[in-house]
C-alpha atoms as a PDB file:
ATOM      1  CA  UNK A   1     -58.745  63.385 -40.841  1.00  0.00           C
ATOM      2  CA  UNK A   2     -57.184  60.279 -42.406  1.00  0.00           C
ATOM      3  CA  UNK A   3     -54.336  62.414 -43.746  1.00  0.00           C
ATOM      4  CA  UNK A   4     -53.609  63.769 -40.268  1.00  0.00           C
ATOM      5  CA  UNK A   5     -53.745  60.284 -38.782  1.00  0.00           C
ATOM      6  CA  UNK A   6     -51.331  58.941 -41.380  1.00  0.00           C
ATOM      7  CA  UNK A   7     -48.945  61.815 -40.732  1.00  0.00           C
ATOM      8  CA  UNK A   8     -49.003  61.128 -36.998  1.00  0.00           C
ATOM      9  CA  UNK A   9     -48.198  57.455 -37.619  1.00  0.00           C
ATOM     10  CA  UNK A  10     -45.247  58.444 -39.814  1.00  0.00           C
ATOM     11  CA  UNK A  11     -43.884  60.821 -37.169  1.00  0.00           C
ATOM     12  CA  UNK A  12     -44.305  58.162 -34.463  1.00  0.00           C
ATOM     13  CA  UNK A  13     -42.491  55.597 -36.590  1.00  0.00           C
ATOM     14  CA  UNK A  14     -39.609  57.981 -37.276  1.00  0.00           C
ATOM     15  CA  UNK A  15     -39.269  58.677 -33.560  1.00  0.00           C
ATOM     16  CA  UNK A  16     -39.153  54.946 -32.840  1.00  0.00           C
ATOM     17  CA  UNK A  17     -36.401  54.566 -35.441  1.00  0.00           C
ATOM     18  CA  UNK A  18     -34.463  57.428 -33.825  1.00  0.00           C
ATOM     19  CA  UNK A  19     -34.821  55.660 -30.476  1.00  0.00           C
ATOM     20  CA  UNK A  20     -33.492  52.436 -31.951  1.00  0.00           C
ATOM     21  CA  UNK A  21     -30.550  54.277 -33.509  1.00  0.00           C
ATOM     22  CA  UNK A  22     -29.750  55.914 -30.166  1.00  0.00           C
ATOM     23  CA  UNK A  23     -29.992  52.557 -28.405  1.00  0.00           C
ATOM     24  CA  UNK A  24     -27.769  50.746 -30.900  1.00  0.00           C
ATOM     25  CA  UNK A  25     -25.281  53.602 -31.187  1.00  0.00           C
ATOM     26  CA  UNK A  26     -24.876  53.837 -27.421  1.00  0.00           C
ATOM     27  CA  UNK A  27     -24.376  57.594 -27.472  1.00  0.00           C
ATOM     28  CA  UNK A  28     -26.404  60.730 -28.096  1.00  0.00           C
ATOM     29  CA  UNK A  29     -28.222  61.013 -31.425  1.00  0.00           C
ATOM     30  CA  UNK A  30     -29.481  64.477 -32.400  1.00  0.00           C
ATOM     31  CA  UNK A  31     -28.590  65.711 -28.926  1.00  0.00           C
ATOM     32  CA  UNK A  32     -30.778  63.202 -27.088  1.00  0.00           C
ATOM     33  CA  UNK A  33     -28.799  60.819 -24.923  1.00  0.00           C
ATOM     34  CA  UNK A  34     -31.519  58.454 -23.768  1.00  0.00           C
ATOM     35  CA  UNK A  35     -33.574  56.401 -26.254  1.00  0.00           C
ATOM     36  CA  UNK A  36     -36.513  56.337 -23.824  1.00  0.00           C
ATOM     37  CA  UNK A  37     -37.166  59.998 -24.623  1.00  0.00           C
ATOM     38  CA  UNK A  38     -37.858  59.122 -28.255  1.00  0.00           C
ATOM     39  CA  UNK A  39     -40.169  56.274 -27.256  1.00  0.00           C
ATOM     40  CA  UNK A  40     -42.175  58.514 -24.919  1.00  0.00           C
ATOM     41  CA  UNK A  41     -42.711  61.038 -27.709  1.00  0.00           C
ATOM     42  CA  UNK A  42     -43.559  58.287 -30.212  1.00  0.00           C
ATOM     43  CA  UNK A  43     -46.294  56.839 -28.005  1.00  0.00           C
ATOM     44  CA  UNK A  44     -47.935  60.257 -27.784  1.00  0.00           C
ATOM     45  CA  UNK A  45     -48.052  60.572 -31.560  1.00  0.00           C
ATOM     46  CA  UNK A  46     -49.323  57.022 -32.016  1.00  0.00           C
ATOM     47  CA  UNK A  47     -52.096  57.510 -29.437  1.00  0.00           C
ATOM     48  CA  UNK A  48     -53.155  60.704 -31.232  1.00  0.00           C
ATOM     49  CA  UNK A  49     -53.225  58.750 -34.494  1.00  0.00           C
ATOM     50  CA  UNK A  50     -55.435  56.057 -32.966  1.00  0.00           C
ATOM     51  CA  UNK A  51     -57.826  58.646 -31.537  1.00  0.00           C
ATOM     52  CA  UNK A  52     -58.117  60.505 -34.837  1.00  0.00           C
ATOM     53  CA  UNK A  53     -58.805  57.230 -36.695  1.00  0.00           C
ATOM     54  CA  UNK A  54     -61.470  56.371 -34.129  1.00  0.00           C
ATOM     55  CA  UNK A  55     -63.123  59.775 -34.572  1.00  0.00           C
ATOM     56  CA  UNK A  56     -63.062  59.299 -38.355  1.00  0.00           C
ATOM     57  CA  UNK A  57     -64.734  55.889 -38.047  1.00  0.00           C
ATOM     58  CA  UNK A  58     -67.388  57.238 -35.666  1.00  0.00           C
ATOM     59  CA  UNK A  59     -68.251  60.049 -38.077  1.00  0.00           C
ATOM     60  CA  UNK A  60     -68.706  57.534 -40.911  1.00  0.00           C
ATOM     61  CA  UNK A  61     -71.326  55.655 -38.888  1.00  0.00           C
ATOM     62  CA  UNK A  62     -73.439  58.771 -38.350  1.00  0.00           C
END
């Protein structure tokens, strides 16, 4: 579960970087014209990572 959580954090971070590149470039990057789209996707991945870490911690306590 920790491996999955770490992978989700990496994907979320990459999406945030893509959003920053799109914002700084001022034009479409990888066919996406609005940086907000990257940030919306990144938050989904980061929330999934937090939930999976929480589940992992709860299972350790049992």
